[in-house]
Amino acid sequence: MRNTRNMKTKTSQAKDDDMRPEYDFTGGVRGKYARELRENGYTIRVYNADGTFTETHVLGEKTVVLAPDVSEYFPDSQAVNHALRTLLSLVPEKRKAVARKGRGIRDRREASKSRAKA
């Protein structure tokens, strides 16, 4: 039978041997920027030996891509946001109806639970 305690010690010592002494991650926080990168996206840049590089843009969950014909009318995100806010102000009844509909589902579930108890 093997001693698992010795195996863990050997493994952790091997990791420490690979790590340079100037690297210190004791105050590090795992996943500190994960949410921001996932939501907003990021760029991966790979440098080649000849001095050139290739870039890949990973779009975030909150990223919206406009079609080329639509983007001609909006020079930046501020213009898009302004147009969308203007559009939303024209349809306030729709937003209220959606909010009421969501509450109605919850109220129906609670009512059916109370009927089941009775």
PDB file of N, CA and C in Angstrom:
ATOM      1  N   MET A   1       0.847  -1.176   0.000  1.00  0.00           N
ATOM      2  CA  MET A   1       0.000   0.000   0.000  1.00  0.00           C
ATOM      3  C   MET A   1       0.894   1.240   0.000  1.00  0.00           C
ATOM      4  N   ARG A   2       0.512   2.221  -0.811  1.00  0.00           N
ATOM      5  CA  ARG A   2       1.305   3.447  -0.919  1.00  0.00           C
ATOM      6  C   ARG A   2       0.836   4.476   0.091  1.00  0.00           C
ATOM      7  N   ASN A   3       1.745   5.312   0.483  1.00  0.00           N
ATOM      8  CA  ASN A   3       1.404   6.386   1.408  1.00  0.00           C
ATOM      9  C   ASN A   3       1.014   7.615   0.595  1.00  0.00           C
ATOM     10  N   THR A   4      -0.272   8.007   0.631  1.00  0.00           N
ATOM     11  CA  THR A   4      -0.745   9.137  -0.180  1.00  0.00           C
ATOM     12  C   THR A   4      -0.179  10.457   0.316  1.00  0.00           C
ATOM     13  N   ARG A   5       0.141  10.543   1.585  1.00  0.00           N
ATOM     14  CA  ARG A   5       0.693  11.782   2.119  1.00  0.00           C
ATOM     15  C   ARG A   5       2.040  12.084   1.459  1.00  0.00           C
ATOM     16  N   ASN A   6       2.888  11.085   1.293  1.00  0.00           N
ATOM     17  CA  ASN A   6       4.182  11.284   0.647  1.00  0.00           C
ATOM     18  C   ASN A   6       4.016  11.648  -0.823  1.00  0.00           C
ATOM     19  N   MET A   7       3.003  11.062  -1.480  1.00  0.00           N
ATOM     20  CA  MET A   7       2.776  11.366  -2.892  1.00  0.00           C
ATOM     21  C   MET A   7       2.399  12.833  -3.059  1.00  0.00           C
ATOM     22  N   LYS A   8       1.550  13.343  -2.193  1.00  0.00           N
ATOM     23  CA  LYS A   8       1.144  14.748  -2.289  1.00  0.00           C
ATOM     24  C   LYS A   8       2.329  15.661  -2.047  1.00  0.00           C
ATOM     25  N   THR A   9       3.160  15.314  -1.113  1.00  0.00           N
ATOM     26  CA  THR A   9       4.327  16.137  -0.813  1.00  0.00           C
ATOM     27  C   THR A   9       5.261  16.189  -2.009  1.00  0.00           C
ATOM     28  N   LYS A  10       5.472  15.039  -2.637  1.00  0.00           N
ATOM     29  CA  LYS A  10       6.359  14.995  -3.807  1.00  0.00           C
ATOM     30  C   LYS A  10       5.789  15.831  -4.944  1.00  0.00           C
ATOM     31  N   THR A  11       4.466  15.746  -5.148  1.00  0.00           N
ATOM     32  CA  THR A  11       3.828  16.510  -6.217  1.00  0.00           C
ATOM     33  C   THR A  11       3.961  18.007  -5.960  1.00  0.00           C
ATOM     34  N   SER A  12       3.685  18.446  -4.745  1.00  0.00           N
ATOM     35  CA  SER A  12       3.760  19.872  -4.454  1.00  0.00           C
ATOM     36  C   SER A  12       5.205  20.365  -4.524  1.00  0.00           C
ATOM     37  N   GLN A  13       6.167  19.524  -4.151  1.00  0.00           N
ATOM     38  CA  GLN A  13       7.571  19.917  -4.256  1.00  0.00           C
ATOM     39  C   GLN A  13       7.961  20.060  -5.720  1.00  0.00           C
ATOM     40  N   ALA A  14       7.438  19.188  -6.584  1.00  0.00           N
ATOM     41  CA  ALA A  14       7.751  19.269  -8.004  1.00  0.00           C
ATOM     42  C   ALA A  14       7.215  20.574  -8.585  1.00  0.00           C
ATOM     43  N   LYS A  15       6.016  20.977  -8.178  1.00  0.00           N
ATOM     44  CA  LYS A  15       5.457  22.233  -8.655  1.00  0.00           C
ATOM     45  C   LYS A  15       6.301  23.410  -8.177  1.00  0.00           C
ATOM     46  N   ASP A  16       6.727  23.360  -6.940  1.00  0.00           N
ATOM     47  CA  ASP A  16       7.553  24.441  -6.404  1.00  0.00           C
ATOM     48  C   ASP A  16       8.887  24.528  -7.123  1.00  0.00           C
ATOM     49  N   ASP A  17       9.435  23.399  -7.529  1.00  0.00           N
ATOM     50  CA  ASP A  17      10.719  23.393  -8.227  1.00  0.00           C
ATOM     51  C   ASP A  17      10.596  24.049  -9.601  1.00  0.00           C
ATOM     52  N   ASP A  18       9.413  23.932 -10.243  1.00  0.00           N
ATOM     53  CA  ASP A  18       9.211  24.531 -11.557  1.00  0.00           C
ATOM     54  C   ASP A  18       8.984  26.037 -11.476  1.00  0.00           C
ATOM     55  N   MET A  19       8.542  26.516 -10.344  1.00  0.00           N
ATOM     56  CA  MET A  19       8.211  27.922 -10.170  1.00  0.00           C
ATOM     57  C   MET A  19       9.457  28.723  -9.799  1.00  0.00           C
ATOM     58  N   ARG A  20       9.641  29.835 -10.451  1.00  0.00           N
ATOM     59  CA  ARG A  20      10.771  30.703 -10.123  1.00  0.00           C
ATOM     60  C   ARG A  20      10.548  31.347  -8.766  1.00  0.00           C
ATOM     61  N   PRO A  21      11.602  31.614  -8.027  1.00  0.00           N
ATOM     62  CA  PRO A  21      11.442  32.167  -6.682  1.00  0.00           C
ATOM     63  C   PRO A  21      10.839  33.578  -6.670  1.00  0.00           C
ATOM     64  N   GLU A  22      10.982  34.345  -7.753  1.00  0.00           N
ATOM     65  CA  GLU A  22      10.440  35.707  -7.763  1.00  0.00           C
ATOM     66  C   GLU A  22       8.929  35.741  -8.002  1.00  0.00           C
ATOM     67  N   TYR A  23       8.332  34.606  -8.375  1.00  0.00           N
ATOM     68  CA  TYR A  23       6.884  34.554  -8.554  1.00  0.00           C
ATOM     69  C   TYR A  23       6.231  34.280  -7.210  1.00  0.00           C
ATOM     70  N   ASP A  24       5.359  35.187  -6.801  1.00  0.00           N
ATOM     71  CA  ASP A  24       4.689  35.027  -5.520  1.00  0.00           C
ATOM     72  C   ASP A  24       3.205  35.313  -5.711  1.00  0.00           C
ATOM     73  N   PHE A  25       2.395  34.282  -5.620  1.00  0.00           N
ATOM     74  CA  PHE A  25       0.955  34.425  -5.818  1.00  0.00           C
ATOM     75  C   PHE A  25       0.172  34.308  -4.517  1.00  0.00           C
ATOM     76  N   THR A  26       0.812  34.534  -3.400  1.00  0.00           N
ATOM     77  CA  THR A  26       0.131  34.354  -2.114  1.00  0.00           C
ATOM     78  C   THR A  26      -1.029  35.330  -1.940  1.00  0.00           C
ATOM     79  N   GLY A  27      -0.950  36.531  -2.500  1.00  0.00           N
ATOM     80  CA  GLY A  27      -2.039  37.501  -2.366  1.00  0.00           C
ATOM     81  C   GLY A  27      -2.979  37.494  -3.551  1.00  0.00           C
ATOM     82  N   GLY A  28      -2.800  36.549  -4.472  1.00  0.00           N
ATOM     83  CA  GLY A  28      -3.615  36.503  -5.682  1.00  0.00           C
ATOM     84  C   GLY A  28      -5.038  36.046  -5.420  1.00  0.00           C
ATOM     85  N   VAL A  29      -5.946  36.456  -6.299  1.00  0.00           N
ATOM     86  CA  VAL A  29      -7.350  36.076  -6.187  1.00  0.00           C
ATOM     87  C   VAL A  29      -7.733  35.363  -7.469  1.00  0.00           C
ATOM     88  N   ARG A  30      -8.158  34.122  -7.344  1.00  0.00           N
ATOM     89  CA  ARG A  30      -8.530  33.329  -8.511  1.00  0.00           C
ATOM     90  C   ARG A  30      -9.810  33.885  -9.147  1.00  0.00           C
ATOM     91  N   GLY A  31      -9.779  34.084 -10.465  1.00  0.00           N
ATOM     92  CA  GLY A  31     -10.962  34.527 -11.191  1.00  0.00           C
ATOM     93  C   GLY A  31     -11.337  35.977 -10.977  1.00  0.00           C
ATOM     94  N   LYS A  32     -10.402  36.806 -10.567  1.00  0.00           N
ATOM     95  CA  LYS A  32     -10.689  38.199 -10.226  1.00  0.00           C
ATOM     96  C   LYS A  32     -11.328  38.963 -11.395  1.00  0.00           C
ATOM     97  N   TYR A  33     -10.869  38.717 -12.603  1.00  0.00           N
ATOM     98  CA  TYR A  33     -11.379  39.432 -13.775  1.00  0.00           C
ATOM     99  C   TYR A  33     -12.233  38.554 -14.680  1.00  0.00           C
ATOM    100  N   ALA A  34     -12.572  37.365 -14.257  1.00  0.00           N
ATOM    101  CA  ALA A  34     -13.286  36.414 -15.109  1.00  0.00           C
ATOM    102  C   ALA A  34     -14.632  36.948 -15.582  1.00  0.00           C
ATOM    103  N   ARG A  35     -15.427  37.514 -14.685  1.00  0.00           N
ATOM    104  CA  ARG A  35     -16.752  38.004 -15.067  1.00  0.00           C
ATOM    105  C   ARG A  35     -16.649  39.127 -16.091  1.00  0.00           C
ATOM    106  N   GLU A  36     -15.754  40.071 -15.839  1.00  0.00           N
ATOM    107  CA  GLU A  36     -15.603  41.202 -16.757  1.00  0.00           C
ATOM    108  C   GLU A  36     -15.187  40.729 -18.144  1.00  0.00           C
ATOM    109  N   LEU A  37     -14.245  39.801 -18.212  1.00  0.00           N
ATOM    110  CA  LEU A  37     -13.796  39.283 -19.503  1.00  0.00           C
ATOM    111  C   LEU A  37     -14.910  38.523 -20.207  1.00  0.00           C
ATOM    112  N   ARG A  38     -15.672  37.721 -19.457  1.00  0.00           N
ATOM    113  CA  ARG A  38     -16.755  36.948 -20.050  1.00  0.00           C
ATOM    114  C   ARG A  38     -17.839  37.880 -20.595  1.00  0.00           C
ATOM    115  N   GLU A  39     -18.162  38.934 -19.858  1.00  0.00           N
ATOM    116  CA  GLU A  39     -19.234  39.834 -20.280  1.00  0.00           C
ATOM    117  C   GLU A  39     -18.808  40.776 -21.399  1.00  0.00           C
ATOM    118  N   ASN A  40     -17.591  41.314 -21.315  1.00  0.00           N
ATOM    119  CA  ASN A  40     -17.164  42.352 -22.251  1.00  0.00           C
ATOM    120  C   ASN A  40     -16.275  41.855 -23.377  1.00  0.00           C
ATOM    121  N   GLY A  41     -15.758  40.642 -23.271  1.00  0.00           N
ATOM    122  CA  GLY A  41     -14.897  40.103 -24.312  1.00  0.00           C
ATOM    123  C   GLY A  41     -13.442  40.466 -24.095  1.00  0.00           C
ATOM    124  N   TYR A  42     -12.593  39.916 -24.951  1.00  0.00           N
ATOM    125  CA  TYR A  42     -11.160  40.157 -24.831  1.00  0.00           C
ATOM    126  C   TYR A  42     -10.481  39.841 -26.157  1.00  0.00           C
ATOM    127  N   THR A  43      -9.211  40.205 -26.264  1.00  0.00           N
ATOM    128  CA  THR A  43      -8.425  39.980 -27.474  1.00  0.00           C
ATOM    129  C   THR A  43      -7.265  39.059 -27.160  1.00  0.00           C
ATOM    130  N   ILE A  44      -7.051  38.071 -28.031  1.00  0.00           N
ATOM    131  CA  ILE A  44      -5.907  37.170 -27.913  1.00  0.00           C
ATOM    132  C   ILE A  44      -4.931  37.542 -29.019  1.00  0.00           C
ATOM    133  N   ARG A  45      -3.705  37.850 -28.641  1.00  0.00           N
ATOM    134  CA  ARG A  45      -2.682  38.224 -29.622  1.00  0.00           C
ATOM    135  C   ARG A  45      -1.535  37.214 -29.541  1.00  0.00           C
ATOM    136  N   VAL A  46      -1.246  36.561 -30.669  1.00  0.00           N
ATOM    137  CA  VAL A  46      -0.170  35.568 -30.741  1.00  0.00           C
ATOM    138  C   VAL A  46       0.946  36.148 -31.599  1.00  0.00           C
ATOM    139  N   TYR A  47       2.133  36.268 -30.996  1.00  0.00           N
ATOM    140  CA  TYR A  47       3.290  36.807 -31.715  1.00  0.00           C
ATOM    141  C   TYR A  47       4.061  35.679 -32.384  1.00  0.00           C
ATOM    142  N   ASN A  48       4.418  35.883 -33.637  1.00  0.00           N
ATOM    143  CA  ASN A  48       5.184  34.898 -34.397  1.00  0.00           C
ATOM    144  C   ASN A  48       6.665  35.227 -34.331  1.00  0.00           C
ATOM    145  N   ALA A  49       7.499  34.243 -34.672  1.00  0.00           N
ATOM    146  CA  ALA A  49       8.955  34.410 -34.620  1.00  0.00           C
ATOM    147  C   ALA A  49       9.436  35.490 -35.587  1.00  0.00           C
ATOM    148  N   ASP A  50       8.709  35.704 -36.682  1.00  0.00           N
ATOM    149  CA  ASP A  50       9.137  36.698 -37.680  1.00  0.00           C
ATOM    150  C   ASP A  50       8.738  38.128 -37.317  1.00  0.00           C
ATOM    151  N   GLY A  51       8.129  38.321 -36.145  1.00  0.00           N
ATOM    152  CA  GLY A  51       7.759  39.656 -35.701  1.00  0.00           C
ATOM    153  C   GLY A  51       6.321  40.028 -35.983  1.00  0.00           C
ATOM    154  N   THR A  52       5.626  39.233 -36.765  1.00  0.00           N
ATOM    155  CA  THR A  52       4.211  39.497 -37.033  1.00  0.00           C
ATOM    156  C   THR A  52       3.369  38.897 -35.912  1.00  0.00           C
ATOM    157  N   PHE A  53       2.102  39.238 -35.925  1.00  0.00           N
ATOM    158  CA  PHE A  53       1.199  38.655 -34.925  1.00  0.00           C
ATOM    159  C   PHE A  53      -0.182  38.482 -35.527  1.00  0.00           C
ATOM    160  N   THR A  54      -0.950  37.615 -34.903  1.00  0.00           N
ATOM    161  CA  THR A  54      -2.342  37.421 -35.296  1.00  0.00           C
ATOM    162  C   THR A  54      -3.205  37.740 -34.088  1.00  0.00           C
ATOM    163  N   GLU A  55      -4.354  38.345 -34.341  1.00  0.00           N
ATOM    164  CA  GLU A  55      -5.272  38.708 -33.266  1.00  0.00           C
ATOM    165  C   GLU A  55      -6.602  37.997 -33.460  1.00  0.00           C
ATOM    166  N   THR A  56      -7.151  37.561 -32.362  1.00  0.00           N
ATOM    167  CA  THR A  56      -8.488  36.985 -32.350  1.00  0.00           C
ATOM    168  C   THR A  56      -9.293  37.739 -31.299  1.00  0.00           C
ATOM    169  N   HIS A  57     -10.442  38.234 -31.705  1.00  0.00           N
ATOM    170  CA  HIS A  57     -11.306  38.967 -30.785  1.00  0.00           C
ATOM    171  C   HIS A  57     -12.407  38.023 -30.309  1.00  0.00           C
ATOM    172  N   VAL A  58     -12.491  37.824 -29.009  1.00  0.00           N
ATOM    173  CA  VAL A  58     -13.527  36.993 -28.413  1.00  0.00           C
ATOM    174  C   VAL A  58     -14.605  37.931 -27.894  1.00  0.00           C
ATOM    175  N   LEU A  59     -15.788  37.823 -28.462  1.00  0.00           N
ATOM    176  CA  LEU A  59     -16.880  38.709 -28.083  1.00  0.00           C
ATOM    177  C   LEU A  59     -17.462  38.294 -26.742  1.00  0.00           C
ATOM    178  N   GLY A  60     -17.825  39.273 -25.948  1.00  0.00           N
ATOM    179  CA  GLY A  60     -18.420  39.010 -24.654  1.00  0.00           C
ATOM    180  C   GLY A  60     -19.908  38.774 -24.760  1.00  0.00           C
ATOM    181  N   GLU A  61     -20.489  38.331 -23.653  1.00  0.00           N
ATOM    182  CA  GLU A  61     -21.924  38.063 -23.619  1.00  0.00           C
ATOM    183  C   GLU A  61     -22.747  39.327 -23.821  1.00  0.00           C
ATOM    184  N   LYS A  62     -22.212  40.479 -23.420  1.00  0.00           N
ATOM    185  CA  LYS A  62     -22.947  41.732 -23.553  1.00  0.00           C
ATOM    186  C   LYS A  62     -22.670  42.437 -24.880  1.00  0.00           C
ATOM    187  N   THR A  63     -21.874  41.833 -25.725  1.00  0.00           N
ATOM    188  CA  THR A  63     -21.509  42.452 -26.996  1.00  0.00           C
ATOM    189  C   THR A  63     -22.636  42.280 -28.009  1.00  0.00           C
ATOM    190  N   VAL A  64     -22.981  43.368 -28.658  1.00  0.00           N
ATOM    191  CA  VAL A  64     -23.985  43.344 -29.710  1.00  0.00           C
ATOM    192  C   VAL A  64     -23.298  43.791 -30.992  1.00  0.00           C
ATOM    193  N   VAL A  65     -23.439  43.006 -32.048  1.00  0.00           N
ATOM    194  CA  VAL A  65     -22.809  43.336 -33.324  1.00  0.00           C
ATOM    195  C   VAL A  65     -23.888  43.829 -34.277  1.00  0.00           C
ATOM    196  N   LEU A  66     -23.670  45.019 -34.800  1.00  0.00           N
ATOM    197  CA  LEU A  66     -24.620  45.590 -35.752  1.00  0.00           C
ATOM    198  C   LEU A  66     -24.289  45.124 -37.161  1.00  0.00           C
ATOM    199  N   ALA A  67     -25.319  44.932 -37.953  1.00  0.00           N
ATOM    200  CA  ALA A  67     -25.121  44.590 -39.360  1.00  0.00           C
ATOM    201  C   ALA A  67     -24.483  45.791 -40.060  1.00  0.00           C
ATOM    202  N   PRO A  68     -23.700  45.547 -41.104  1.00  0.00           N
ATOM    203  CA  PRO A  68     -23.005  46.650 -41.781  1.00  0.00           C
ATOM    204  C   PRO A  68     -23.930  47.765 -42.260  1.00  0.00           C
ATOM    205  N   ASP A  69     -25.102  47.405 -42.775  1.00  0.00           N
ATOM    206  CA  ASP A  69     -26.012  48.449 -43.259  1.00  0.00           C
ATOM    207  C   ASP A  69     -26.570  49.286 -42.108  1.00  0.00           C
ATOM    208  N   VAL A  70     -26.734  48.711 -40.934  1.00  0.00           N
ATOM    209  CA  VAL A  70     -27.224  49.452 -39.774  1.00  0.00           C
ATOM    210  C   VAL A  70     -26.113  50.304 -39.179  1.00  0.00           C
ATOM    211  N   SER A  71     -24.915  49.770 -39.137  1.00  0.00           N
ATOM    212  CA  SER A  71     -23.802  50.494 -38.511  1.00  0.00           C
ATOM    213  C   SER A  71     -23.432  51.773 -39.262  1.00  0.00           C
ATOM    214  N   GLU A  72     -23.843  51.893 -40.511  1.00  0.00           N
ATOM    215  CA  GLU A  72     -23.595  53.124 -41.267  1.00  0.00           C
ATOM    216  C   GLU A  72     -24.284  54.325 -40.618  1.00  0.00           C
ATOM    217  N   TYR A  73     -25.392  54.091 -39.905  1.00  0.00           N
ATOM    218  CA  TYR A  73     -26.168  55.167 -39.304  1.00  0.00           C
ATOM    219  C   TYR A  73     -25.719  55.515 -37.881  1.00  0.00           C
ATOM    220  N   PHE A  74     -24.882  54.668 -37.288  1.00  0.00           N
ATOM    221  CA  PHE A  74     -24.459  54.870 -35.908  1.00  0.00           C
ATOM    222  C   PHE A  74     -22.939  54.910 -35.821  1.00  0.00           C
ATOM    223  N   PRO A  75     -22.357  56.091 -35.624  1.00  0.00           N
ATOM    224  CA  PRO A  75     -20.897  56.201 -35.591  1.00  0.00           C
ATOM    225  C   PRO A  75     -20.256  55.577 -34.346  1.00  0.00           C
ATOM    226  N   ASP A  76     -21.012  55.490 -33.235  1.00  0.00           N
ATOM    227  CA  ASP A  76     -20.442  54.947 -31.999  1.00  0.00           C
ATOM    228  C   ASP A  76     -21.551  54.385 -31.112  1.00  0.00           C
ATOM    229  N   SER A  77     -21.167  53.789 -29.988  1.00  0.00           N
ATOM    230  CA  SER A  77     -22.153  53.174 -29.096  1.00  0.00           C
ATOM    231  C   SER A  77     -23.075  54.209 -28.462  1.00  0.00           C
ATOM    232  N   GLN A  78     -22.591  55.422 -28.282  1.00  0.00           N
ATOM    233  CA  GLN A  78     -23.425  56.476 -27.705  1.00  0.00           C
ATOM    234  C   GLN A  78     -24.622  56.762 -28.619  1.00  0.00           C
ATOM    235  N   ALA A  79     -24.400  56.766 -29.917  1.00  0.00           N
ATOM    236  CA  ALA A  79     -25.482  57.008 -30.867  1.00  0.00           C
ATOM    237  C   ALA A  79     -26.498  55.858 -30.844  1.00  0.00           C
ATOM    238  N   VAL A  80     -26.016  54.638 -30.727  1.00  0.00           N
ATOM    239  CA  VAL A  80     -26.908  53.474 -30.651  1.00  0.00           C
ATOM    240  C   VAL A  80     -27.750  53.551 -29.382  1.00  0.00           C
ATOM    241  N   ASN A  81     -27.126  53.831 -28.258  1.00  0.00           N
ATOM    242  CA  ASN A  81     -27.850  53.922 -26.992  1.00  0.00           C
ATOM    243  C   ASN A  81     -28.900  55.025 -27.026  1.00  0.00           C
ATOM    244  N   HIS A  82     -28.559  56.158 -27.614  1.00  0.00           N
ATOM    245  CA  HIS A  82     -29.515  57.267 -27.715  1.00  0.00           C
ATOM    246  C   HIS A  82     -30.730  56.842 -28.542  1.00  0.00           C
ATOM    247  N   ALA A  83     -30.494  56.185 -29.663  1.00  0.00           N
ATOM    248  CA  ALA A  83     -31.599  55.748 -30.523  1.00  0.00           C
ATOM    249  C   ALA A  83     -32.472  54.717 -29.808  1.00  0.00           C
ATOM    250  N   LEU A  84     -31.856  53.787 -29.087  1.00  0.00           N
ATOM    251  CA  LEU A  84     -32.630  52.768 -28.382  1.00  0.00           C
ATOM    252  C   LEU A  84     -33.435  53.365 -27.231  1.00  0.00           C
ATOM    253  N   ARG A  85     -32.856  54.319 -26.523  1.00  0.00           N
ATOM    254  CA  ARG A  85     -33.600  54.969 -25.431  1.00  0.00           C
ATOM    255  C   ARG A  85     -34.794  55.751 -25.978  1.00  0.00           C
ATOM    256  N   THR A  86     -34.607  56.400 -27.118  1.00  0.00           N
ATOM    257  CA  THR A  86     -35.707  57.122 -27.756  1.00  0.00           C
ATOM    258  C   THR A  86     -36.811  56.150 -28.138  1.00  0.00           C
ATOM    259  N   LEU A  87     -36.430  55.017 -28.703  1.00  0.00           N
ATOM    260  CA  LEU A  87     -37.409  54.004 -29.090  1.00  0.00           C
ATOM    261  C   LEU A  87     -38.146  53.458 -27.865  1.00  0.00           C
ATOM    262  N   LEU A  88     -37.427  53.209 -26.795  1.00  0.00           N
ATOM    263  CA  LEU A  88     -38.056  52.688 -25.572  1.00  0.00           C
ATOM    264  C   LEU A  88     -39.045  53.687 -24.964  1.00  0.00           C
ATOM    265  N   SER A  89     -38.739  54.966 -25.074  1.00  0.00           N
ATOM    266  CA  SER A  89     -39.664  55.969 -24.520  1.00  0.00           C
ATOM    267  C   SER A  89     -40.970  56.019 -25.303  1.00  0.00           C
ATOM    268  N   LEU A  90     -40.971  55.532 -26.529  1.00  0.00           N
ATOM    269  CA  LEU A  90     -42.186  55.533 -27.343  1.00  0.00           C
ATOM    270  C   LEU A  90     -43.090  54.344 -27.042  1.00  0.00           C
ATOM    271  N   VAL A  91     -42.601  53.352 -26.354  1.00  0.00           N
ATOM    272  CA  VAL A  91     -43.382  52.145 -26.090  1.00  0.00           C
ATOM    273  C   VAL A  91     -43.441  51.823 -24.595  1.00  0.00           C
ATOM    274  N   PRO A  92     -43.896  52.748 -23.755  1.00  0.00           N
ATOM    275  CA  PRO A  92     -43.932  52.464 -22.317  1.00  0.00           C
ATOM    276  C   PRO A  92     -44.978  51.414 -21.953  1.00  0.00           C
ATOM    277  N   GLU A  93     -46.083  51.332 -22.706  1.00  0.00           N
ATOM    278  CA  GLU A  93     -47.133  50.364 -22.398  1.00  0.00           C
ATOM    279  C   GLU A  93     -46.632  48.935 -22.562  1.00  0.00           C
ATOM    280  N   LYS A  94     -45.806  48.713 -23.516  1.00  0.00           N
ATOM    281  CA  LYS A  94     -45.266  47.373 -23.762  1.00  0.00           C
ATOM    282  C   LYS A  94     -44.455  46.909 -22.556  1.00  0.00           C
ATOM    283  N   ARG A  95     -43.619  47.794 -22.014  1.00  0.00           N
ATOM    284  CA  ARG A  95     -42.798  47.434 -20.862  1.00  0.00           C
ATOM    285  C   ARG A  95     -43.672  47.131 -19.657  1.00  0.00           C
ATOM    286  N   LYS A  96     -44.721  47.922 -19.447  1.00  0.00           N
ATOM    287  CA  LYS A  96     -45.611  47.695 -18.311  1.00  0.00           C
ATOM    288  C   LYS A  96     -46.336  46.357 -18.456  1.00  0.00           C
ATOM    289  N   ALA A  97     -46.754  46.040 -19.681  1.00  0.00           N
ATOM    290  CA  ALA A  97     -47.465  44.786 -19.923  1.00  0.00           C
ATOM    291  C   ALA A  97     -46.554  43.589 -19.656  1.00  0.00           C
ATOM    292  N   VAL A  98     -45.319  43.676 -20.041  1.00  0.00           N
ATOM    293  CA  VAL A  98     -44.367  42.587 -19.812  1.00  0.00           C
ATOM    294  C   VAL A  98     -44.138  42.408 -18.320  1.00  0.00           C
ATOM    295  N   ALA A  99     -44.018  43.509 -17.574  1.00  0.00           N
ATOM    296  CA  ALA A  99     -43.817  43.434 -16.133  1.00  0.00           C
ATOM    297  C   ALA A  99     -45.034  42.810 -15.455  1.00  0.00           C
ATOM    298  N   ARG A 100     -46.235  43.208 -15.877  1.00  0.00           N
ATOM    299  CA  ARG A 100     -47.449  42.633 -15.300  1.00  0.00           C
ATOM    300  C   ARG A 100     -47.560  41.149 -15.613  1.00  0.00           C
ATOM    301  N   LYS A 101     -47.210  40.769 -16.817  1.00  0.00           N
ATOM    302  CA  LYS A 101     -47.288  39.371 -17.241  1.00  0.00           C
ATOM    303  C   LYS A 101     -46.381  38.504 -16.374  1.00  0.00           C
ATOM    304  N   GLY A 102     -45.181  38.967 -16.082  1.00  0.00           N
ATOM    305  CA  GLY A 102     -44.254  38.224 -15.234  1.00  0.00           C
ATOM    306  C   GLY A 102     -44.790  38.042 -13.831  1.00  0.00           C
ATOM    307  N   ARG A 103     -45.404  39.094 -13.291  1.00  0.00           N
ATOM    308  CA  ARG A 103     -45.987  39.015 -11.948  1.00  0.00           C
ATOM    309  C   ARG A 103     -47.181  38.078 -11.938  1.00  0.00           C
ATOM    310  N   GLY A 104     -47.939  38.074 -13.020  1.00  0.00           N
ATOM    311  CA  GLY A 104     -49.120  37.220 -13.096  1.00  0.00           C
ATOM    312  C   GLY A 104     -48.764  35.746 -13.011  1.00  0.00           C
ATOM    313  N   ILE A 105     -47.693  35.336 -13.616  1.00  0.00           N
ATOM    314  CA  ILE A 105     -47.266  33.942 -13.567  1.00  0.00           C
ATOM    315  C   ILE A 105     -46.928  33.559 -12.136  1.00  0.00           C
ATOM    316  N   ARG A 106     -46.201  34.412 -11.449  1.00  0.00           N
ATOM    317  CA  ARG A 106     -45.820  34.145 -10.070  1.00  0.00           C
ATOM    318  C   ARG A 106     -47.061  34.070  -9.176  1.00  0.00           C
ATOM    319  N   ASP A 107     -48.001  34.989  -9.380  1.00  0.00           N
ATOM    320  CA  ASP A 107     -49.222  35.009  -8.573  1.00  0.00           C
ATOM    321  C   ASP A 107     -50.045  33.739  -8.808  1.00  0.00           C
ATOM    322  N   ARG A 108     -50.098  33.274 -10.073  1.00  0.00           N
ATOM    323  CA  ARG A 108     -50.849  32.054 -10.370  1.00  0.00           C
ATOM    324  C   ARG A 108     -50.223  30.841  -9.703  1.00  0.00           C
ATOM    325  N   ARG A 109     -48.897  30.778  -9.674  1.00  0.00           N
ATOM    326  CA  ARG A 109     -48.216  29.655  -9.011  1.00  0.00           C
ATOM    327  C   ARG A 109     -48.528  29.643  -7.525  1.00  0.00           C
ATOM    328  N   GLU A 110     -48.461  30.812  -6.888  1.00  0.00           N
ATOM    329  CA  GLU A 110     -48.755  30.902  -5.462  1.00  0.00           C
ATOM    330  C   GLU A 110     -50.206  30.521  -5.169  1.00  0.00           C
ATOM    331  N   ALA A 111     -51.117  30.930  -6.035  1.00  0.00           N
ATOM    332  CA  ALA A 111     -52.527  30.609  -5.851  1.00  0.00           C
ATOM    333  C   ALA A 111     -52.755  29.103  -5.977  1.00  0.00           C
ATOM    334  N   SER A 112     -52.091  28.474  -6.938  1.00  0.00           N
ATOM    335  CA  SER A 112     -52.271  27.028  -7.116  1.00  0.00           C
ATOM    336  C   SER A 112     -51.672  26.261  -5.947  1.00  0.00           C
ATOM    337  N   LYS A 113     -50.582  26.762  -5.354  1.00  0.00           N
ATOM    338  CA  LYS A 113     -49.983  26.126  -4.172  1.00  0.00           C
ATOM    339  C   LYS A 113     -50.926  26.222  -2.989  1.00  0.00           C
ATOM    340  N   SER A 114     -51.542  27.398  -2.806  1.00  0.00           N
ATOM    341  CA  SER A 114     -52.440  27.573  -1.665  1.00  0.00           C
ATOM    342  C   SER A 114     -53.701  26.712  -1.831  1.00  0.00           C
ATOM    343  N   ARG A 115     -54.171  26.532  -3.079  1.00  0.00           N
ATOM    344  CA  ARG A 115     -55.326  25.670  -3.332  1.00  0.00           C
ATOM    345  C   ARG A 115     -54.974  24.222  -3.046  1.00  0.00           C
ATOM    346  N   ALA A 116     -53.744  23.824  -3.373  1.00  0.00           N
ATOM    347  CA  ALA A 116     -53.310  22.443  -3.140  1.00  0.00           C
ATOM    348  C   ALA A 116     -53.217  22.132  -1.655  1.00  0.00           C
ATOM    349  N   LYS A 117     -52.846  23.127  -0.842  1.00  0.00           N
ATOM    350  CA  LYS A 117     -52.741  22.934   0.609  1.00  0.00           C
ATOM    351  C   LYS A 117     -54.113  22.809   1.251  1.00  0.00           C
ATOM    352  N   ALA A 118     -55.114  23.486   0.691  1.00  0.00           N
ATOM    353  CA  ALA A 118     -56.457  23.530   1.292  1.00  0.00           C
ATOM    354  C   ALA A 118     -57.247  22.285   1.083  1.00  0.00           C
TER     355      ALA A 118
END
